[in-house]
Amino acid sequence: MLWESTACALLGLVIAAVAVGRRPARFFDTRLALAAGAGGAMLGGLIARAVLGPGSLPVVLMAGLVFGAALLSLVVRVSHAPARGPVSA
């Protein structure tokens, strides 16, 4: 169980580092993005492990990946682009 949690946390950390590396202006704080990715992946992996039980490492890692990416998407800065006017037909 400790190895699965650590693997999920590292996977989430890698996802967050790639996201921050590719689009650094989209995040308020790099540390917050890294913590959200790692924490979300670890939480998702632990929930999947509790539901599925031992012996399903690929599914637990996939659940951690999905949950980490979902939590990371919540800390992305939204751009305030002006709304477009009505489209004329």
Protein backbone atom coordinates (compact mmCIF):
# COMPACT_ATOMS: atom_id res chain seq x y z
CA MET A 1 0.00 0.00 0.00
CA LEU A 2 2.86 2.37 0.73
CA TRP A 3 4.39 1.73 -2.69
CA GLU A 4 1.10 2.39 -4.45
CA SER A 5 0.62 5.69 -2.61
CA THR A 6 4.17 6.76 -3.37
CA ALA A 7 3.86 5.78 -7.03
CA CYS A 8 0.58 7.69 -7.36
CA ALA A 9 2.07 10.77 -5.69
CA LEU A 10 5.09 10.70 -8.00
CA LEU A 11 2.84 10.23 -11.01
CA GLY A 12 0.76 13.24 -9.98
CA LEU A 13 3.91 15.26 -9.38
CA VAL A 14 5.15 14.45 -12.88
CA ILE A 15 1.80 15.42 -14.41
CA ALA A 16 1.79 18.72 -12.54
CA ALA A 17 5.42 19.45 -13.45
CA VAL A 18 4.69 18.85 -17.13
CA ALA A 19 1.59 21.06 -16.98
CA VAL A 20 3.45 23.88 -15.23
CA GLY A 21 6.40 23.50 -17.58
CA ARG A 22 4.26 23.76 -20.70
CA ARG A 23 1.94 26.55 -19.52
CA PRO A 24 3.49 28.41 -16.55
CA ALA A 25 1.31 31.51 -16.98
CA ARG A 26 -1.88 29.49 -16.48
CA PHE A 27 -1.13 28.73 -12.82
CA PHE A 28 -1.22 31.13 -9.88
CA ASP A 29 1.57 29.39 -7.99
CA THR A 30 3.85 26.56 -9.05
CA ARG A 31 3.92 25.06 -5.57
CA LEU A 32 0.13 24.97 -5.42
CA ALA A 33 -0.04 23.19 -8.78
CA LEU A 34 2.57 20.62 -7.76
CA ALA A 35 0.85 19.97 -4.45
CA ALA A 36 -2.57 19.67 -6.10
CA GLY A 37 -1.29 17.19 -8.67
CA ALA A 38 0.57 15.01 -6.18
CA GLY A 39 -2.10 15.18 -3.49
CA GLY A 40 -4.93 14.55 -5.90
CA ALA A 41 -3.22 11.55 -7.45
CA MET A 42 -2.44 10.07 -4.05
CA LEU A 43 -6.00 10.59 -2.86
CA GLY A 44 -7.42 9.06 -6.03
CA GLY A 45 -5.09 6.09 -5.73
CA LEU A 46 -6.04 5.51 -2.11
CA ILE A 47 -9.75 5.67 -2.91
CA ALA A 48 -9.31 3.23 -5.79
CA ARG A 49 -7.27 0.90 -3.58
CA ALA A 50 -9.97 0.97 -0.90
CA VAL A 51 -12.68 0.19 -3.44
CA LEU A 52 -10.86 -2.43 -5.50
CA GLY A 53 -8.66 -4.02 -2.87
CA PRO A 54 -5.08 -5.23 -3.24
CA GLY A 55 -3.68 -6.65 -6.46
CA SER A 56 -4.92 -4.08 -8.97
CA LEU A 57 -1.92 -1.80 -9.36
CA PRO A 58 -2.54 -0.63 -12.96
CA VAL A 59 -6.12 0.38 -12.18
CA VAL A 60 -5.04 2.16 -8.99
CA LEU A 61 -2.36 4.09 -10.89
CA MET A 62 -4.83 5.01 -13.62
CA ALA A 63 -7.35 6.23 -11.06
CA GLY A 64 -4.63 8.28 -9.39
CA LEU A 65 -3.67 9.76 -12.74
CA VAL A 66 -7.23 10.75 -13.56
CA PHE A 67 -8.00 12.16 -10.11
CA GLY A 68 -4.72 14.10 -10.00
CA ALA A 69 -5.35 15.63 -13.42
CA ALA A 70 -8.90 16.54 -12.41
CA LEU A 71 -7.75 18.25 -9.23
CA LEU A 72 -4.96 19.99 -11.10
CA SER A 73 -7.47 21.40 -13.56
CA LEU A 74 -9.22 23.15 -10.67
CA VAL A 75 -6.20 25.35 -9.93
CA VAL A 76 -5.79 26.61 -13.51
CA ARG A 77 -6.18 30.35 -13.94
CA VAL A 78 -9.10 31.22 -16.20
CA SER A 79 -8.36 33.80 -18.85
CA HIS A 80 -10.74 36.73 -19.01
CA ALA A 81 -11.07 37.08 -22.74
CA PRO A 82 -13.74 39.45 -23.96
CA ALA A 83 -16.96 37.77 -24.98
CA ARG A 84 -17.77 37.73 -28.64
CA GLY A 85 -20.78 39.56 -29.93
CA PRO A 86 -23.73 37.85 -31.58
CA VAL A 87 -23.01 36.03 -34.79
CA SER A 88 -24.86 37.44 -37.75
CA ALA A 89 -26.34 34.91 -40.13
